[in-house]
Amino acid sequence: MSPAFGAMEVEHYSKGVLLEPFVHQVGGHSCVLRFNDKTICKPLIQREHQFYETLPTEMRKFTPQYEGVVSVSFEEDEDGNLCLIAYPLNGDHDDLESLDNSDCEPKSKLLRWTNKKTVLLENEKISKEWVRQHRKEEKMKSHKLEEEFEWLKKSEVLYYTVEKKGNVSSQFKHHNPWSMKCHQQQLQRMKENAKHRNQYKFILLENLTSRYEVPCVLDLKMGTRQHGDDASEEKKANQIRKCQQSTSAVIGVRVCGMQVYQAGTGQLMFMNKYHGRKLSVQGFKEALYQFFHNGKYLRRELFESVIKKLTELKSVLEKQESYRFYSSSLLIIYDGKERQEVAVDSDPEDLEDLSEESSDESAGAYAYKPTASTVDVRMIDFAHTTCKYYGEDSVVHEGQDTGYVFGLQNLIDIIKEIRDESSE
């Protein structure tokens, strides 16, 4: 067990932790679950688990922090609703080598750690009162979610109005239709498998959106090849087709999902992977522009930071001997919260350090004081990653992952083009 997990804050839960959907999931087909504000969880896949356990030091700043492993079970209430609960693993970690999570790709409920050592908790049932209260809240949302799913089937780019009352970030919950869709599908899969098993292993990972008030998230599928070495012929053919019919084959990167806050209208814009697959190279460039535009102005102050981090990541990956990151994604995250408006005719002291950018071409009365805007760049999803150091793989690759590096270089070039064109 990772020491980081043992150091997590002590919680009062004695029976387990009720897992919730992670509402900032914008891509992928499995369900990511929220453990707490700073931690998410996902089903343990042995290859990905091995990657995090043997991660090269120089790559750690470009991946989520690995927090350990938990056991997840689920219970069905009298109305047929499922709750996912996370528990600590028993002391010997069970036999992770023989673990098969192939029928459980979503993310389940995590539990809080109660001390530095692994604790074995009795598989007690969650109190009916607790479950009933949780389910009452869920039922109130169920009708709305059904409508959202129908909308999702028809639309690949959606706009949701965020209520103006209260803090913007407090209104985010349950707005992202993709995370809700994945969560519902995962629950159904687990329910169908309930007769065969009710114990799953999940890994705990850092919640990369936790430090942002209004996270804007771009999920990019990287590389010119997506299928793993162990893929079936059918899976291989399917993945090759997706690459050939999208920007993956041409520039080594495609949009897999996007969430952007539009400050001009108070809306959230979501783009899903189906739309991302249809984009041409020019359409990909326009999608990137849209990701850095908040509906009022282009967030130009973010460009240098993201270019610097992508360039550093490229340099790190060029030195990784034998690694292949098939079907891995790259996340770019920043805060969509508006910068503070300051009138240009304000007191001179208020205008020190003002950005030269105005909110838009017609807003000459205002300039914007730059805030500490930070951009995060992280690699995620390593279920099909391979490396000669793993030992058991039948196919051994040499040198760098040229497909991934190719995609990174094209991504850097396109962002530079957007930066240069916007400053003309």
Protein backbone atom coordinates (compact mmCIF):
# COMPACT_ATOMS: atom_id res chain seq x y z
CA MET A 1 0.00 0.00 0.00
CA SER A 2 1.29 3.40 -0.92
CA PRO A 3 2.36 5.52 2.09
CA ALA A 4 0.37 8.38 0.57
CA PHE A 5 -2.85 6.48 1.13
CA GLY A 6 -2.02 5.75 4.75
CA ALA A 7 -1.41 9.44 5.29
CA MET A 8 -4.88 10.45 4.10
CA GLU A 9 -7.01 12.27 6.63
CA VAL A 10 -8.86 10.13 9.13
CA GLU A 11 -12.60 10.04 8.51
CA HIS A 12 -15.42 8.95 10.78
CA TYR A 13 -16.68 6.27 8.41
CA SER A 14 -16.47 2.86 10.03
CA LYS A 15 -18.24 0.76 7.41
CA GLY A 16 -16.99 2.15 4.13
CA VAL A 17 -17.26 5.13 1.82
CA LEU A 18 -20.20 5.72 -0.49
CA LEU A 19 -18.79 6.54 -3.93
CA GLU A 20 -20.28 9.21 -6.16
CA PRO A 21 -19.91 9.95 -9.88
CA PHE A 22 -16.91 12.10 -10.74
CA VAL A 23 -18.65 14.97 -12.49
CA HIS A 24 -15.60 16.30 -14.35
CA GLN A 25 -15.10 13.14 -16.42
CA VAL A 26 -15.32 14.25 -20.05
CA GLY A 27 -14.07 11.19 -21.94
CA GLY A 28 -13.57 7.46 -21.79
CA HIS A 29 -16.18 4.72 -21.55
CA SER A 30 -15.69 3.54 -17.97
CA CYS A 31 -17.04 5.30 -14.92
CA VAL A 32 -14.72 7.32 -12.69
CA LEU A 33 -15.89 7.72 -9.10
CA ARG A 34 -15.26 10.38 -6.50
CA PHE A 35 -13.69 9.17 -3.25
CA ASN A 36 -13.26 12.59 -1.65
CA ASP A 37 -12.41 16.11 -2.78
CA LYS A 38 -8.83 15.23 -3.66
CA THR A 39 -9.14 11.58 -4.69
CA ILE A 40 -10.93 9.57 -7.38
CA CYS A 41 -11.01 5.83 -8.01
CA LYS A 42 -11.23 3.48 -10.95
CA PRO A 43 -11.28 -0.30 -11.42
CA LEU A 44 -7.91 -1.94 -10.95
CA ILE A 45 -6.50 -3.30 -14.20
CA GLN A 46 -3.30 -5.20 -13.56
CA ARG A 47 -1.29 -3.56 -16.36
CA GLU A 48 -2.23 -0.04 -15.26
CA HIS A 49 -1.58 -0.93 -11.62
CA GLN A 50 1.87 -2.18 -12.58
CA PHE A 51 2.55 1.06 -14.46
CA TYR A 52 1.80 3.21 -11.41
CA GLU A 53 3.83 0.92 -9.14
CA THR A 54 6.92 1.09 -11.40
CA LEU A 55 6.51 4.62 -12.77
CA PRO A 56 9.82 6.30 -13.77
CA THR A 57 10.61 9.22 -11.46
CA GLU A 58 10.81 11.74 -14.29
CA MET A 59 7.26 10.90 -15.39
CA ARG A 60 5.58 11.36 -12.02
CA LYS A 61 4.89 15.07 -12.47
CA PHE A 62 2.97 14.22 -15.64
CA THR A 63 0.68 11.56 -14.15
CA PRO A 64 -1.88 11.58 -11.32
CA GLN A 65 -0.45 10.66 -7.93
CA TYR A 66 -1.14 7.02 -7.13
CA GLU A 67 -2.79 6.63 -3.69
CA GLY A 68 -3.16 2.85 -3.32
CA VAL A 69 -5.83 0.16 -3.69
CA VAL A 70 -9.24 -0.42 -2.09
CA SER A 71 -11.90 -3.10 -2.22
CA VAL A 72 -15.28 -2.10 -3.64
CA SER A 73 -18.59 -3.86 -3.19
CA PHE A 74 -22.16 -2.93 -4.01
CA GLU A 75 -25.56 -3.44 -2.45
CA GLU A 76 -29.02 -3.23 -3.87
CA ASP A 77 -31.80 -1.63 -1.88
CA GLU A 78 -35.45 -2.67 -1.84
CA ASP A 79 -36.14 -0.52 -4.90
CA GLY A 80 -33.41 -2.12 -6.98
CA ASN A 81 -30.99 0.83 -6.69
CA LEU A 82 -27.28 0.12 -6.36
CA CYS A 83 -24.84 1.78 -4.00
CA LEU A 84 -21.10 1.34 -4.44
CA ILE A 85 -19.06 1.15 -1.25
CA ALA A 86 -15.27 1.18 -0.81
CA TYR A 87 -13.46 -0.73 1.94
CA PRO A 88 -9.78 -1.11 2.86
CA LEU A 89 -8.01 -4.17 1.51
CA ASN A 90 -7.09 -6.88 3.96
CA GLY A 91 -3.51 -6.98 5.12
CA ASP A 92 -2.10 -9.26 2.43
CA HIS A 93 -3.63 -7.15 -0.37
CA ASP A 94 -5.34 -10.28 -1.66
CA ASP A 95 -3.94 -11.84 -4.80
CA LEU A 96 -3.77 -8.89 -7.17
CA GLU A 97 -1.92 -10.90 -9.80
CA SER A 98 -4.94 -13.14 -10.34
CA LEU A 99 -7.45 -10.32 -10.18
CA ASP A 100 -9.72 -9.98 -13.21
CA ASN A 101 -11.60 -6.71 -13.56
CA SER A 102 -12.50 -7.22 -17.21
CA ASP A 103 -16.20 -7.14 -16.40
CA CYS A 104 -15.93 -4.00 -14.30
CA GLU A 105 -14.42 -1.03 -16.06
CA PRO A 106 -16.24 1.77 -14.26
CA LYS A 107 -15.13 3.42 -11.13
CA SER A 108 -16.68 2.40 -7.87
CA LYS A 109 -17.01 3.64 -4.34
CA LEU A 110 -13.93 4.18 -2.25
CA LEU A 111 -13.48 4.07 1.41
CA ARG A 112 -11.48 6.25 3.69
CA TRP A 113 -8.35 4.90 5.29
CA THR A 114 -8.50 4.82 9.07
CA ASN A 115 -4.86 4.33 9.95
CA LYS A 116 -1.37 3.84 8.64
CA LYS A 117 -1.78 0.08 8.49
CA THR A 118 -4.26 -1.74 6.32
CA VAL A 119 -7.46 -2.37 8.23
CA LEU A 120 -9.82 -5.28 7.62
CA LEU A 121 -13.40 -4.17 8.07
CA GLU A 122 -16.34 -6.50 8.43
CA ASN A 123 -18.47 -6.58 5.32
CA GLU A 124 -21.35 -5.04 7.21
CA LYS A 125 -24.35 -3.57 5.52
CA ILE A 126 -24.65 0.17 5.28
CA SER A 127 -27.34 1.52 7.55
CA LYS A 128 -30.73 1.58 5.87
CA GLU A 129 -31.31 5.15 6.97
CA TRP A 130 -28.11 6.31 5.25
CA VAL A 131 -28.91 4.46 2.05
CA ARG A 132 -32.52 5.67 2.08
CA GLN A 133 -31.45 9.30 2.40
CA HIS A 134 -28.95 8.93 -0.45
CA ARG A 135 -31.48 7.21 -2.69
CA LYS A 136 -34.11 9.87 -2.03
CA GLU A 137 -31.76 12.48 -3.44
CA GLU A 138 -30.93 10.27 -6.43
CA LYS A 139 -34.59 9.69 -7.29
CA MET A 140 -35.22 13.43 -7.39
CA LYS A 141 -32.61 13.62 -10.16
CA SER A 142 -33.56 10.47 -12.04
CA HIS A 143 -36.17 12.00 -14.33
CA LYS A 144 -33.85 14.82 -15.32
CA LEU A 145 -31.01 12.37 -16.00
CA GLU A 146 -33.20 10.30 -18.32
CA GLU A 147 -33.94 13.42 -20.32
CA GLU A 148 -30.23 14.28 -20.41
CA PHE A 149 -29.32 10.83 -21.73
CA GLU A 150 -31.85 11.16 -24.55
CA TRP A 151 -30.40 14.57 -25.37
CA LEU A 152 -26.89 13.11 -25.28
CA LYS A 153 -27.80 10.50 -27.88
CA LYS A 154 -28.91 13.22 -30.29
CA SER A 155 -26.25 15.87 -29.59
CA GLU A 156 -22.49 15.60 -29.49
CA VAL A 157 -21.92 19.20 -28.37
CA LEU A 158 -24.10 20.39 -25.50
CA TYR A 159 -24.57 23.65 -23.63
CA TYR A 160 -25.90 23.77 -20.08
CA THR A 161 -26.87 26.98 -18.33
CA VAL A 162 -25.27 27.31 -14.91
CA GLU A 163 -27.56 28.90 -12.36
CA LYS A 164 -26.41 32.33 -11.29
CA LYS A 165 -27.20 31.90 -7.61
CA GLY A 166 -24.37 30.78 -5.39
CA ASN A 167 -20.81 29.95 -6.27
CA VAL A 168 -20.28 28.84 -9.86
CA SER A 169 -18.40 25.72 -8.82
CA SER A 170 -21.20 24.66 -6.48
CA GLN A 171 -23.53 24.49 -9.47
CA PHE A 172 -21.31 22.03 -11.37
CA LYS A 173 -22.61 18.90 -9.74
CA HIS A 174 -24.72 16.71 -12.00
CA HIS A 175 -24.31 18.99 -15.01
CA ASN A 176 -21.92 16.80 -16.99
CA PRO A 177 -24.03 14.33 -19.03
CA TRP A 178 -21.07 12.17 -20.05
CA SER A 179 -20.07 11.33 -16.48
CA MET A 180 -23.69 10.54 -15.64
CA LYS A 181 -23.98 8.30 -18.70
CA CYS A 182 -20.84 6.34 -17.79
CA HIS A 183 -21.97 6.02 -14.18
CA GLN A 184 -25.35 4.58 -15.10
CA GLN A 185 -23.82 2.13 -17.57
CA GLN A 186 -21.32 0.97 -14.96
CA LEU A 187 -23.99 0.35 -12.37
CA GLN A 188 -25.93 -1.71 -14.87
CA ARG A 189 -22.89 -3.83 -15.73
CA MET A 190 -22.17 -4.49 -12.06
CA LYS A 191 -25.79 -5.35 -11.43
CA GLU A 192 -25.73 -7.90 -14.25
CA ASN A 193 -22.62 -9.49 -12.73
CA ALA A 194 -24.00 -9.46 -9.18
CA LYS A 195 -24.75 -13.19 -9.19
CA HIS A 196 -21.14 -14.01 -9.96
CA ARG A 197 -19.19 -11.53 -7.86
CA ASN A 198 -19.56 -8.63 -5.48
CA GLN A 199 -15.97 -7.68 -4.74
CA TYR A 200 -13.77 -5.55 -6.97
CA LYS A 201 -10.39 -3.91 -6.56
CA PHE A 202 -10.04 -0.22 -7.37
CA ILE A 203 -7.04 2.08 -7.49
CA LEU A 204 -7.05 5.49 -5.86
CA LEU A 205 -5.68 8.42 -7.86
CA GLU A 206 -5.23 12.14 -7.37
CA ASN A 207 -8.22 14.26 -8.41
CA LEU A 208 -6.54 16.61 -10.88
CA THR A 209 -9.46 19.05 -10.90
CA SER A 210 -9.57 19.62 -7.14
CA ARG A 211 -7.58 22.85 -7.09
CA TYR A 212 -9.71 24.56 -9.71
CA GLU A 213 -12.93 26.39 -8.90
CA VAL A 214 -14.43 25.87 -12.37
CA PRO A 215 -12.36 23.16 -14.11
CA CYS A 216 -12.10 23.35 -17.89
CA VAL A 217 -10.96 19.93 -19.08
CA LEU A 218 -9.70 18.69 -22.45
CA ASP A 219 -9.22 14.93 -22.95
CA LEU A 220 -7.00 14.08 -25.92
CA LYS A 221 -6.45 10.55 -27.19
CA MET A 222 -2.76 10.40 -28.04
CA GLY A 223 -0.78 8.43 -30.62
CA THR A 224 -1.28 7.03 -34.09
CA ARG A 225 -2.15 3.58 -32.73
CA GLN A 226 -4.74 2.77 -30.04
CA HIS A 227 -4.89 -1.04 -29.78
CA GLY A 228 -2.74 -2.92 -27.30
CA ASP A 229 -0.47 -5.82 -28.22
CA ASP A 230 -2.94 -8.23 -26.63
CA ALA A 231 -5.98 -6.93 -28.54
CA SER A 232 -8.18 -9.42 -30.39
CA GLU A 233 -8.29 -9.20 -34.19
CA GLU A 234 -11.75 -7.64 -33.96
CA LYS A 235 -10.63 -5.05 -31.40
CA LYS A 236 -7.49 -4.30 -33.39
CA ALA A 237 -9.47 -3.75 -36.61
CA ASN A 238 -11.96 -1.52 -34.79
CA GLN A 239 -9.24 0.66 -33.27
CA ILE A 240 -7.37 0.94 -36.56
CA ARG A 241 -10.58 2.07 -38.26
CA LYS A 242 -11.18 4.76 -35.61
CA CYS A 243 -7.66 6.08 -36.07
CA GLN A 244 -7.89 6.11 -39.87
CA GLN A 245 -11.23 7.93 -39.81
CA SER A 246 -10.09 10.59 -37.34
CA THR A 247 -7.19 12.98 -36.82
CA SER A 248 -5.27 10.25 -34.95
CA ALA A 249 -3.78 8.83 -38.15
CA VAL A 250 -2.87 12.24 -39.56
CA ILE A 251 -1.53 14.16 -36.55
CA GLY A 252 -1.40 11.54 -33.78
CA VAL A 253 -4.02 13.15 -31.55
CA ARG A 254 -7.81 13.51 -31.44
CA VAL A 255 -10.39 15.08 -29.13
CA CYS A 256 -11.90 12.52 -26.74
CA GLY A 257 -13.92 14.95 -24.63
CA MET A 258 -14.12 18.55 -23.51
CA GLN A 259 -15.71 20.68 -20.79
CA VAL A 260 -15.44 24.48 -21.00
CA TYR A 261 -17.10 27.21 -18.97
CA GLN A 262 -18.50 30.02 -21.11
CA ALA A 263 -18.23 33.15 -18.99
CA GLY A 264 -20.11 35.23 -21.54
CA THR A 265 -23.32 33.22 -21.25
CA GLY A 266 -22.87 31.41 -17.94
CA GLN A 267 -23.03 28.07 -19.74
CA LEU A 268 -21.00 24.88 -19.69
CA MET A 269 -20.05 23.50 -23.09
CA PHE A 270 -19.50 19.73 -23.43
CA MET A 271 -18.03 17.99 -26.47
CA ASN A 272 -17.97 14.18 -26.50
CA LYS A 273 -15.69 11.66 -28.21
CA TYR A 274 -18.11 10.97 -31.07
CA HIS A 275 -17.84 14.57 -32.21
CA GLY A 276 -14.08 14.47 -31.69
CA ARG A 277 -13.72 11.51 -34.06
CA LYS A 278 -15.45 13.42 -36.87
CA LEU A 279 -13.17 16.46 -36.76
CA SER A 280 -10.78 17.25 -39.59
CA VAL A 281 -7.36 18.68 -38.75
CA GLN A 282 -8.82 22.16 -39.17
CA GLY A 283 -11.78 21.15 -37.02
CA PHE A 284 -9.36 19.89 -34.36
CA LYS A 285 -7.62 23.26 -34.40
CA GLU A 286 -10.96 25.04 -34.04
CA ALA A 287 -11.88 22.79 -31.11
CA LEU A 288 -8.60 23.71 -29.38
CA TYR A 289 -9.35 27.37 -29.97
CA GLN A 290 -12.78 26.85 -28.43
CA PHE A 291 -11.23 25.15 -25.40
CA PHE A 292 -9.11 28.22 -24.67
CA HIS A 293 -11.97 30.68 -25.35
CA ASN A 294 -14.43 31.46 -22.57
CA GLY A 295 -17.09 33.01 -24.76
CA LYS A 296 -15.80 36.53 -24.11
CA TYR A 297 -12.12 36.39 -24.93
CA LEU A 298 -9.30 33.98 -25.69
CA ARG A 299 -7.30 32.93 -22.63
CA ARG A 300 -3.98 33.88 -24.25
CA GLU A 301 -2.17 33.98 -20.91
CA LEU A 302 -2.41 30.17 -20.77
CA PHE A 303 -0.56 29.43 -24.00
CA GLU A 304 3.05 29.78 -22.85
CA SER A 305 2.48 27.61 -19.80
CA VAL A 306 0.78 24.79 -21.70
CA ILE A 307 3.38 24.88 -24.50
CA LYS A 308 6.19 24.74 -21.95
CA LYS A 309 4.67 21.73 -20.17
CA LEU A 310 3.91 19.86 -23.39
CA THR A 311 7.46 20.46 -24.59
CA GLU A 312 8.87 19.18 -21.30
CA LEU A 313 6.64 16.09 -21.47
CA LYS A 314 7.80 15.42 -25.02
CA SER A 315 11.42 15.59 -23.88
CA VAL A 316 10.71 13.14 -21.04
CA LEU A 317 8.93 10.63 -23.30
CA GLU A 318 11.68 10.74 -25.90
CA LYS A 319 13.97 9.25 -23.24
CA GLN A 320 11.61 6.44 -22.19
CA GLU A 321 13.07 3.25 -23.60
CA SER A 322 10.53 0.62 -24.73
CA TYR A 323 7.37 2.26 -23.34
CA ARG A 324 4.25 2.27 -25.55
CA PHE A 325 1.24 4.20 -24.26
CA TYR A 326 -1.46 2.68 -26.45
CA SER A 327 -4.94 4.16 -25.91
CA SER A 328 -3.61 6.57 -23.29
CA SER A 329 -5.06 10.06 -22.98
CA LEU A 330 -3.61 13.46 -22.17
CA LEU A 331 -5.54 15.90 -19.99
CA ILE A 332 -5.18 19.68 -20.18
CA ILE A 333 -6.92 21.46 -17.29
CA TYR A 334 -7.29 25.11 -16.28
CA ASP A 335 -9.65 27.23 -14.20
CA GLY A 336 -12.54 28.78 -16.11
CA LYS A 337 -13.26 31.33 -13.40
CA GLU A 338 -13.25 34.85 -14.81
CA ARG A 339 -10.45 37.22 -14.10
CA GLN A 340 -11.36 40.33 -12.14
CA GLU A 341 -12.56 43.30 -14.18
CA VAL A 342 -10.95 46.66 -13.48
CA ALA A 343 -12.08 49.83 -15.22
CA VAL A 344 -9.34 51.45 -17.29
CA ASP A 345 -10.08 54.84 -15.85
CA SER A 346 -9.57 53.58 -12.31
CA ASP A 347 -6.96 54.87 -9.93
CA PRO A 348 -3.45 54.37 -11.40
CA GLU A 349 -2.52 52.11 -8.52
CA ASP A 350 -5.28 49.74 -9.56
CA LEU A 351 -3.91 49.59 -13.08
CA GLU A 352 -0.43 48.36 -12.26
CA ASP A 353 0.21 45.02 -13.91
CA LEU A 354 -3.01 45.20 -15.92
CA SER A 355 -3.20 42.92 -18.89
CA GLU A 356 -3.34 44.67 -22.23
CA GLU A 357 -6.18 42.38 -23.22
CA SER A 358 -9.75 43.55 -23.02
CA SER A 359 -12.66 41.18 -22.50
CA ASP A 360 -13.63 41.56 -26.15
CA GLU A 361 -13.25 44.07 -28.95
CA SER A 362 -16.23 46.12 -27.83
CA ALA A 363 -15.32 46.26 -24.15
CA GLY A 364 -12.89 49.15 -24.28
CA ALA A 365 -13.99 50.35 -20.85
CA TYR A 366 -12.38 47.41 -19.11
CA ALA A 367 -9.04 45.72 -18.87
CA TYR A 368 -8.26 42.56 -16.98
CA LYS A 369 -5.89 42.07 -14.11
CA PRO A 370 -4.14 38.72 -14.64
CA THR A 371 -4.59 36.18 -11.90
CA ALA A 372 -2.31 33.26 -11.12
CA SER A 373 -3.63 31.17 -14.02
CA THR A 374 -2.23 27.67 -13.97
CA VAL A 375 -2.52 24.92 -16.55
CA ASP A 376 -2.08 21.27 -15.71
CA VAL A 377 -0.92 18.67 -18.26
CA ARG A 378 -1.19 14.99 -17.26
CA MET A 379 -1.15 11.57 -18.90
CA ILE A 380 -3.93 9.18 -17.83
CA ASP A 381 -5.27 5.70 -18.66
CA PHE A 382 -2.54 3.08 -18.88
CA ALA A 383 -4.56 -0.14 -19.26
CA HIS A 384 -2.75 -0.96 -22.54
CA THR A 385 0.68 0.43 -21.71
CA THR A 386 3.59 -1.93 -22.29
CA CYS A 387 7.31 -1.89 -21.56
CA LYS A 388 10.09 -4.48 -21.78
CA TYR A 389 10.71 -4.08 -18.05
CA TYR A 390 7.31 -5.64 -17.31
CA GLY A 391 8.84 -9.00 -18.21
CA GLU A 392 5.77 -11.02 -19.17
CA ASP A 393 4.81 -9.28 -22.44
CA SER A 394 5.28 -11.36 -25.58
CA VAL A 395 5.95 -8.28 -27.73
CA VAL A 396 8.94 -6.14 -26.78
CA HIS A 397 9.34 -2.66 -28.27
CA GLU A 398 12.55 -0.70 -28.57
CA GLY A 399 13.10 3.04 -28.39
CA GLN A 400 10.55 5.80 -27.79
CA ASP A 401 6.81 5.77 -28.48
CA THR A 402 7.09 7.63 -31.79
CA GLY A 403 3.32 7.78 -32.33
CA TYR A 404 2.73 9.54 -29.00
CA VAL A 405 5.69 11.89 -29.47
CA PHE A 406 4.44 12.69 -32.99
CA GLY A 407 1.04 13.64 -31.56
CA LEU A 408 2.63 15.82 -28.87
CA GLN A 409 4.71 17.73 -31.41
CA ASN A 410 1.68 18.38 -33.62
CA LEU A 411 -0.34 19.48 -30.58
CA ILE A 412 2.41 21.94 -29.63
CA ASP A 413 2.59 23.28 -33.20
CA ILE A 414 -1.18 23.79 -33.44
CA ILE A 415 -1.35 25.63 -30.09
CA LYS A 416 1.52 27.86 -31.26
CA GLU A 417 -0.42 28.60 -34.46
CA ILE A 418 -3.48 29.62 -32.44
CA ARG A 419 -1.29 31.81 -30.21
CA ASP A 420 0.45 33.52 -33.13
CA GLU A 421 -2.73 34.04 -35.17
CA SER A 422 -4.59 35.51 -32.20
CA SER A 423 -1.87 38.06 -31.54
CA GLU A 424 -1.81 39.42 -35.09
